[in-house]
Amino acid sequence: MKGLHLTADLRGVDPALAVMRDGEALAVLCREAVAQAGLTGVAELFHRFAPADAQSGITGVVLLAESHLAIHTWPELGGVTLDVYVCNYGADNSAKAEALMRALIDAFAPVSVSRQSLIRAAASTPAV
């Protein structure tokens, strides 16, 4: 269960960017970034809140063979949160996770970014 969990909070994102309000545009961005990072998407779901509201954001997830990507947009706040987790069971996917996170941050061009990184590892003791 070893893996790398990356999160990022983006601020100062242009709310006029299509990926802030358009679920399909955000899905395309995520699919392309996942593929370019060398990861494998296996399923996805993107949901726009209150579609008739111009300020409505999107929440989305791409399930990866390696784990997941979650993304949430708040156009009314100019904010985005990103969550990338990869397991490193069969191979070390850490560089791919970093590449995916970089590509998404670059696509949103935020004024500021707060990033966190967590190495996840199961204890080596057997479960009781």
N, C-alpha and C. Protein backbone atom coordinates (compact mmCIF):
# COMPACT_ATOMS: atom_id res chain seq x y z
N MET A 1 0.81 -1.20 0.00
CA MET A 1 0.00 0.00 0.00
C MET A 1 0.85 1.26 0.00
N LYS A 2 2.09 1.17 -0.41
CA LYS A 2 2.92 2.36 -0.50
C LYS A 2 2.42 3.24 -1.64
N GLY A 3 2.48 4.54 -1.41
CA GLY A 3 2.03 5.45 -2.45
C GLY A 3 2.38 6.89 -2.14
N LEU A 4 2.04 7.77 -3.07
CA LEU A 4 2.28 9.20 -2.94
C LEU A 4 0.95 9.91 -3.10
N HIS A 5 0.62 10.77 -2.14
CA HIS A 5 -0.62 11.53 -2.16
C HIS A 5 -0.27 13.01 -2.23
N LEU A 6 -0.66 13.65 -3.31
CA LEU A 6 -0.37 15.06 -3.53
C LEU A 6 -1.67 15.85 -3.51
N THR A 7 -1.66 17.01 -2.87
CA THR A 7 -2.80 17.92 -2.94
C THR A 7 -2.30 19.31 -3.26
N ALA A 8 -3.18 20.10 -3.85
CA ALA A 8 -2.85 21.49 -4.13
C ALA A 8 -4.11 22.32 -4.06
N ASP A 9 -3.98 23.50 -3.45
CA ASP A 9 -5.05 24.49 -3.39
C ASP A 9 -4.60 25.66 -4.25
N LEU A 10 -5.37 25.94 -5.30
CA LEU A 10 -5.03 27.00 -6.24
C LEU A 10 -5.91 28.21 -5.99
N ARG A 11 -5.31 29.38 -5.96
CA ARG A 11 -6.05 30.62 -5.77
C ARG A 11 -5.69 31.60 -6.88
N GLY A 12 -6.64 32.48 -7.17
CA GLY A 12 -6.39 33.47 -8.22
C GLY A 12 -6.49 32.88 -9.60
N VAL A 13 -7.33 31.87 -9.77
CA VAL A 13 -7.55 31.28 -11.09
C VAL A 13 -8.60 32.12 -11.82
N ASP A 14 -8.38 32.37 -13.09
CA ASP A 14 -9.31 33.16 -13.90
C ASP A 14 -10.65 32.42 -13.98
N PRO A 15 -11.72 32.99 -13.42
CA PRO A 15 -13.02 32.31 -13.45
C PRO A 15 -13.61 32.18 -14.86
N ALA A 16 -13.07 32.93 -15.83
CA ALA A 16 -13.56 32.84 -17.20
C ALA A 16 -13.01 31.63 -17.96
N LEU A 17 -12.02 30.94 -17.39
CA LEU A 17 -11.50 29.73 -18.06
C LEU A 17 -12.63 28.71 -18.23
N ALA A 18 -12.73 28.13 -19.40
CA ALA A 18 -13.78 27.14 -19.66
C ALA A 18 -13.73 25.99 -18.65
N VAL A 19 -12.54 25.56 -18.26
CA VAL A 19 -12.41 24.42 -17.34
C VAL A 19 -12.92 24.71 -15.93
N MET A 20 -13.24 25.96 -15.65
CA MET A 20 -13.79 26.31 -14.34
C MET A 20 -15.28 26.01 -14.25
N ARG A 21 -16.00 26.02 -15.42
CA ARG A 21 -17.46 25.87 -15.42
C ARG A 21 -17.98 24.80 -16.36
N ASP A 22 -17.19 24.38 -17.31
CA ASP A 22 -17.63 23.44 -18.34
C ASP A 22 -17.09 22.05 -18.01
N GLY A 23 -18.00 21.15 -17.63
CA GLY A 23 -17.61 19.80 -17.22
C GLY A 23 -16.88 19.03 -18.30
N GLU A 24 -17.31 19.16 -19.54
CA GLU A 24 -16.64 18.43 -20.61
C GLU A 24 -15.24 18.98 -20.86
N ALA A 25 -15.09 20.31 -20.81
CA ALA A 25 -13.75 20.89 -20.99
C ALA A 25 -12.82 20.43 -19.87
N LEU A 26 -13.33 20.37 -18.64
CA LEU A 26 -12.51 19.91 -17.52
C LEU A 26 -12.17 18.43 -17.68
N ALA A 27 -13.13 17.63 -18.14
CA ALA A 27 -12.89 16.20 -18.34
C ALA A 27 -11.80 15.98 -19.40
N VAL A 28 -11.86 16.74 -20.49
CA VAL A 28 -10.84 16.62 -21.54
C VAL A 28 -9.46 16.98 -20.99
N LEU A 29 -9.38 18.08 -20.26
CA LEU A 29 -8.11 18.48 -19.65
C LEU A 29 -7.57 17.36 -18.77
N CYS A 30 -8.41 16.80 -17.93
CA CYS A 30 -7.96 15.74 -17.00
C CYS A 30 -7.53 14.49 -17.75
N ARG A 31 -8.32 14.07 -18.74
CA ARG A 31 -7.97 12.88 -19.53
C ARG A 31 -6.62 13.05 -20.21
N GLU A 32 -6.42 14.22 -20.83
CA GLU A 32 -5.16 14.47 -21.54
C GLU A 32 -3.99 14.53 -20.57
N ALA A 33 -4.18 15.17 -19.42
CA ALA A 33 -3.09 15.28 -18.44
C ALA A 33 -2.74 13.91 -17.87
N VAL A 34 -3.75 13.09 -17.61
CA VAL A 34 -3.51 11.73 -17.10
C VAL A 34 -2.70 10.93 -18.13
N ALA A 35 -3.12 10.96 -19.39
CA ALA A 35 -2.42 10.21 -20.44
C ALA A 35 -0.99 10.72 -20.63
N GLN A 36 -0.82 12.04 -20.66
CA GLN A 36 0.52 12.60 -20.86
C GLN A 36 1.45 12.29 -19.70
N ALA A 37 0.90 12.11 -18.51
CA ALA A 37 1.72 11.75 -17.35
C ALA A 37 2.09 10.28 -17.34
N GLY A 38 1.47 9.50 -18.25
CA GLY A 38 1.76 8.07 -18.31
C GLY A 38 0.94 7.23 -17.35
N LEU A 39 -0.17 7.80 -16.86
CA LEU A 39 -1.06 7.07 -15.97
C LEU A 39 -2.24 6.54 -16.77
N THR A 40 -3.04 5.67 -16.15
CA THR A 40 -4.11 4.97 -16.87
C THR A 40 -5.47 5.27 -16.26
N GLY A 41 -6.28 6.06 -16.96
CA GLY A 41 -7.65 6.32 -16.51
C GLY A 41 -8.52 5.11 -16.79
N VAL A 42 -9.35 4.73 -15.81
CA VAL A 42 -10.24 3.57 -15.99
C VAL A 42 -11.71 3.94 -15.89
N ALA A 43 -12.04 5.08 -15.28
CA ALA A 43 -13.42 5.57 -15.18
C ALA A 43 -13.36 7.03 -14.76
N GLU A 44 -14.48 7.74 -14.97
CA GLU A 44 -14.51 9.15 -14.59
C GLU A 44 -15.94 9.60 -14.36
N LEU A 45 -16.08 10.68 -13.59
CA LEU A 45 -17.37 11.32 -13.36
C LEU A 45 -17.11 12.79 -13.09
N PHE A 46 -17.81 13.66 -13.81
CA PHE A 46 -17.72 15.10 -13.61
C PHE A 46 -19.13 15.63 -13.42
N HIS A 47 -19.33 16.46 -12.39
CA HIS A 47 -20.65 16.98 -12.06
C HIS A 47 -20.57 18.49 -11.88
N ARG A 48 -21.44 19.20 -12.60
CA ARG A 48 -21.52 20.65 -12.43
C ARG A 48 -22.69 20.95 -11.51
N PHE A 49 -22.43 21.78 -10.52
CA PHE A 49 -23.46 22.17 -9.59
C PHE A 49 -24.28 23.31 -10.18
N ALA A 50 -25.60 23.25 -10.05
CA ALA A 50 -26.51 24.30 -10.53
C ALA A 50 -26.11 24.79 -11.93
N PRO A 51 -26.26 23.94 -12.95
CA PRO A 51 -25.80 24.29 -14.31
C PRO A 51 -26.32 25.61 -14.85
N ALA A 52 -27.49 26.08 -14.42
CA ALA A 52 -28.01 27.35 -14.94
C ALA A 52 -27.31 28.55 -14.31
N ASP A 53 -26.57 28.33 -13.25
CA ASP A 53 -25.89 29.40 -12.53
C ASP A 53 -24.49 29.62 -13.12
N ALA A 54 -24.23 30.81 -13.60
CA ALA A 54 -22.93 31.11 -14.22
C ALA A 54 -21.77 30.94 -13.26
N GLN A 55 -22.02 31.00 -11.96
CA GLN A 55 -20.95 30.87 -10.97
C GLN A 55 -20.73 29.43 -10.53
N SER A 56 -21.50 28.51 -11.04
CA SER A 56 -21.45 27.12 -10.59
C SER A 56 -20.15 26.43 -10.97
N GLY A 57 -19.57 25.73 -10.00
CA GLY A 57 -18.34 24.99 -10.24
C GLY A 57 -18.58 23.52 -10.54
N ILE A 58 -17.47 22.79 -10.62
CA ILE A 58 -17.50 21.38 -11.01
C ILE A 58 -16.71 20.57 -9.99
N THR A 59 -17.19 19.37 -9.74
CA THR A 59 -16.41 18.40 -8.99
C THR A 59 -16.22 17.21 -9.92
N GLY A 60 -15.03 16.67 -9.93
CA GLY A 60 -14.77 15.56 -10.84
C GLY A 60 -13.76 14.60 -10.27
N VAL A 61 -13.83 13.38 -10.78
CA VAL A 61 -12.87 12.36 -10.37
C VAL A 61 -12.53 11.50 -11.58
N VAL A 62 -11.26 11.17 -11.68
CA VAL A 62 -10.80 10.19 -12.66
C VAL A 62 -10.20 9.05 -11.85
N LEU A 63 -10.80 7.89 -11.96
CA LEU A 63 -10.23 6.71 -11.31
C LEU A 63 -9.09 6.23 -12.17
N LEU A 64 -7.97 5.99 -11.53
CA LEU A 64 -6.78 5.54 -12.24
C LEU A 64 -6.50 4.09 -11.89
N ALA A 65 -5.91 3.36 -12.81
CA ALA A 65 -5.44 2.01 -12.47
C ALA A 65 -4.47 2.13 -11.31
N GLU A 66 -3.79 3.28 -11.21
CA GLU A 66 -2.80 3.52 -10.16
C GLU A 66 -3.42 4.13 -8.91
N SER A 67 -4.63 4.70 -8.97
CA SER A 67 -5.44 5.20 -7.85
C SER A 67 -6.43 6.25 -8.31
N HIS A 68 -6.19 7.57 -8.07
CA HIS A 68 -7.21 8.55 -8.46
C HIS A 68 -6.69 9.98 -8.62
N LEU A 69 -7.51 10.76 -9.33
CA LEU A 69 -7.37 12.20 -9.44
C LEU A 69 -8.74 12.77 -9.07
N ALA A 70 -8.78 13.71 -8.13
CA ALA A 70 -10.01 14.43 -7.80
C ALA A 70 -9.76 15.91 -7.99
N ILE A 71 -10.79 16.61 -8.49
CA ILE A 71 -10.65 18.03 -8.78
C ILE A 71 -11.96 18.74 -8.47
N HIS A 72 -11.84 19.95 -7.93
CA HIS A 72 -13.02 20.73 -7.58
C HIS A 72 -12.76 22.18 -7.97
N THR A 73 -13.70 22.81 -8.70
CA THR A 73 -13.54 24.20 -9.11
C THR A 73 -14.57 25.08 -8.41
N TRP A 74 -14.14 26.28 -8.06
CA TRP A 74 -15.00 27.31 -7.48
C TRP A 74 -14.79 28.60 -8.29
N PRO A 75 -15.49 28.76 -9.42
CA PRO A 75 -15.28 29.96 -10.22
C PRO A 75 -15.60 31.25 -9.45
N GLU A 76 -16.59 31.17 -8.57
CA GLU A 76 -16.96 32.38 -7.81
C GLU A 76 -15.86 32.82 -6.84
N LEU A 77 -14.94 31.92 -6.53
CA LEU A 77 -13.82 32.23 -5.64
C LEU A 77 -12.48 32.26 -6.37
N GLY A 78 -12.48 31.88 -7.64
CA GLY A 78 -11.22 31.77 -8.38
C GLY A 78 -10.33 30.69 -7.80
N GLY A 79 -10.96 29.63 -7.31
CA GLY A 79 -10.21 28.57 -6.64
C GLY A 79 -10.41 27.20 -7.24
N VAL A 80 -9.40 26.36 -7.05
CA VAL A 80 -9.42 24.97 -7.50
C VAL A 80 -8.68 24.15 -6.45
N THR A 81 -9.21 22.96 -6.14
CA THR A 81 -8.45 22.03 -5.32
C THR A 81 -8.18 20.77 -6.14
N LEU A 82 -6.97 20.25 -5.97
CA LEU A 82 -6.51 19.06 -6.70
C LEU A 82 -6.04 18.01 -5.72
N ASP A 83 -6.29 16.76 -6.06
CA ASP A 83 -5.91 15.63 -5.22
C ASP A 83 -5.45 14.52 -6.17
N VAL A 84 -4.18 14.16 -6.09
CA VAL A 84 -3.62 13.09 -6.93
C VAL A 84 -3.00 12.05 -6.00
N TYR A 85 -3.47 10.83 -6.12
CA TYR A 85 -2.90 9.75 -5.32
C TYR A 85 -2.52 8.60 -6.25
N VAL A 86 -1.31 8.10 -6.09
CA VAL A 86 -0.87 6.93 -6.84
C VAL A 86 -0.30 5.90 -5.90
N CYS A 87 -0.64 4.66 -6.19
CA CYS A 87 -0.03 3.54 -5.46
C CYS A 87 1.30 3.23 -6.13
N ASN A 88 2.21 2.73 -5.37
CA ASN A 88 3.52 2.36 -5.90
C ASN A 88 3.77 0.87 -5.69
N TYR A 89 2.72 0.07 -5.83
CA TYR A 89 2.81 -1.36 -5.58
C TYR A 89 3.68 -2.08 -6.60
N GLY A 90 3.33 -1.99 -7.88
CA GLY A 90 4.08 -2.70 -8.91
C GLY A 90 5.24 -1.91 -9.47
N ALA A 91 5.16 -0.59 -9.33
CA ALA A 91 6.21 0.31 -9.84
C ALA A 91 6.08 1.64 -9.11
N ASP A 92 7.15 2.41 -9.12
CA ASP A 92 7.11 3.72 -8.48
C ASP A 92 6.49 4.71 -9.46
N ASN A 93 5.27 5.14 -9.16
CA ASN A 93 4.53 6.08 -10.01
C ASN A 93 4.65 7.52 -9.53
N SER A 94 5.57 7.78 -8.61
CA SER A 94 5.69 9.12 -8.02
C SER A 94 5.97 10.20 -9.05
N ALA A 95 6.88 9.96 -9.97
CA ALA A 95 7.21 10.97 -10.99
C ALA A 95 5.99 11.24 -11.88
N LYS A 96 5.21 10.22 -12.16
CA LYS A 96 3.99 10.41 -12.96
C LYS A 96 2.97 11.25 -12.21
N ALA A 97 2.83 11.02 -10.91
CA ALA A 97 1.91 11.82 -10.10
C ALA A 97 2.35 13.28 -10.09
N GLU A 98 3.65 13.51 -9.93
CA GLU A 98 4.18 14.88 -9.94
C GLU A 98 3.93 15.54 -11.29
N ALA A 99 4.12 14.80 -12.38
CA ALA A 99 3.89 15.35 -13.72
C ALA A 99 2.41 15.70 -13.92
N LEU A 100 1.52 14.86 -13.44
CA LEU A 100 0.09 15.13 -13.55
C LEU A 100 -0.27 16.39 -12.77
N MET A 101 0.23 16.50 -11.55
CA MET A 101 -0.06 17.68 -10.73
C MET A 101 0.48 18.95 -11.40
N ARG A 102 1.71 18.90 -11.91
CA ARG A 102 2.30 20.07 -12.59
C ARG A 102 1.46 20.49 -13.80
N ALA A 103 1.03 19.51 -14.60
CA ALA A 103 0.25 19.82 -15.80
C ALA A 103 -1.07 20.50 -15.44
N LEU A 104 -1.72 20.02 -14.40
CA LEU A 104 -2.99 20.62 -14.00
C LEU A 104 -2.79 22.01 -13.43
N ILE A 105 -1.79 22.18 -12.59
CA ILE A 105 -1.51 23.52 -12.05
C ILE A 105 -1.20 24.49 -13.19
N ASP A 106 -0.38 24.07 -14.13
CA ASP A 106 -0.04 24.93 -15.27
C ASP A 106 -1.28 25.31 -16.07
N ALA A 107 -2.21 24.37 -16.26
CA ALA A 107 -3.40 24.62 -17.05
C ALA A 107 -4.30 25.68 -16.41
N PHE A 108 -4.32 25.74 -15.08
CA PHE A 108 -5.16 26.71 -14.38
C PHE A 108 -4.46 28.06 -14.17
N ALA A 109 -3.14 28.10 -14.29
CA ALA A 109 -2.35 29.33 -14.16
C ALA A 109 -2.78 30.17 -12.94
N PRO A 110 -2.72 29.58 -11.75
CA PRO A 110 -3.15 30.32 -10.56
C PRO A 110 -2.16 31.41 -10.16
N VAL A 111 -2.64 32.36 -9.38
CA VAL A 111 -1.78 33.38 -8.82
C VAL A 111 -0.95 32.78 -7.69
N SER A 112 -1.57 31.87 -6.91
CA SER A 112 -0.83 31.23 -5.83
C SER A 112 -1.24 29.76 -5.70
N VAL A 113 -0.30 28.98 -5.18
CA VAL A 113 -0.49 27.53 -5.01
C VAL A 113 0.01 27.13 -3.63
N SER A 114 -0.79 26.34 -2.95
CA SER A 114 -0.36 25.72 -1.70
C SER A 114 -0.38 24.21 -1.94
N ARG A 115 0.80 23.59 -1.86
CA ARG A 115 0.92 22.15 -2.16
C ARG A 115 1.28 21.37 -0.92
N GLN A 116 0.77 20.14 -0.89
CA GLN A 116 1.11 19.21 0.17
C GLN A 116 1.46 17.87 -0.45
N SER A 117 2.33 17.13 0.23
CA SER A 117 2.76 15.83 -0.25
C SER A 117 2.83 14.88 0.94
N LEU A 118 2.28 13.69 0.76
CA LEU A 118 2.26 12.70 1.83
C LEU A 118 2.69 11.36 1.28
N ILE A 119 3.71 10.76 1.89
CA ILE A 119 4.08 9.40 1.53
C ILE A 119 3.19 8.47 2.34
N ARG A 120 2.47 7.60 1.66
CA ARG A 120 1.56 6.68 2.34
C ARG A 120 2.18 5.29 2.30
N ALA A 121 2.17 4.64 3.43
CA ALA A 121 2.74 3.28 3.52
C ALA A 121 2.03 2.53 4.63
N ALA A 122 1.71 1.29 4.34
CA ALA A 122 1.07 0.44 5.35
C ALA A 122 2.13 -0.04 6.32
N ALA A 123 1.71 -0.22 7.54
CA ALA A 123 2.61 -0.81 8.55
C ALA A 123 2.94 -2.23 8.13
N SER A 124 4.11 -2.69 8.51
CA SER A 124 4.53 -4.03 8.10
C SER A 124 4.04 -5.11 9.06
N THR A 125 3.29 -4.71 10.09
CA THR A 125 2.77 -5.70 11.03
C THR A 125 1.46 -6.26 10.51
N PRO A 126 1.21 -7.55 10.76
CA PRO A 126 -0.04 -8.15 10.27
C PRO A 126 -1.26 -7.58 10.98
N ALA A 127 -2.38 -7.57 10.27
CA ALA A 127 -3.63 -7.09 10.85
C ALA A 127 -4.13 -8.08 11.88
N VAL A 128 -4.80 -7.56 12.90
CA VAL A 128 -5.33 -8.42 13.96
C VAL A 128 -6.78 -8.73 13.69
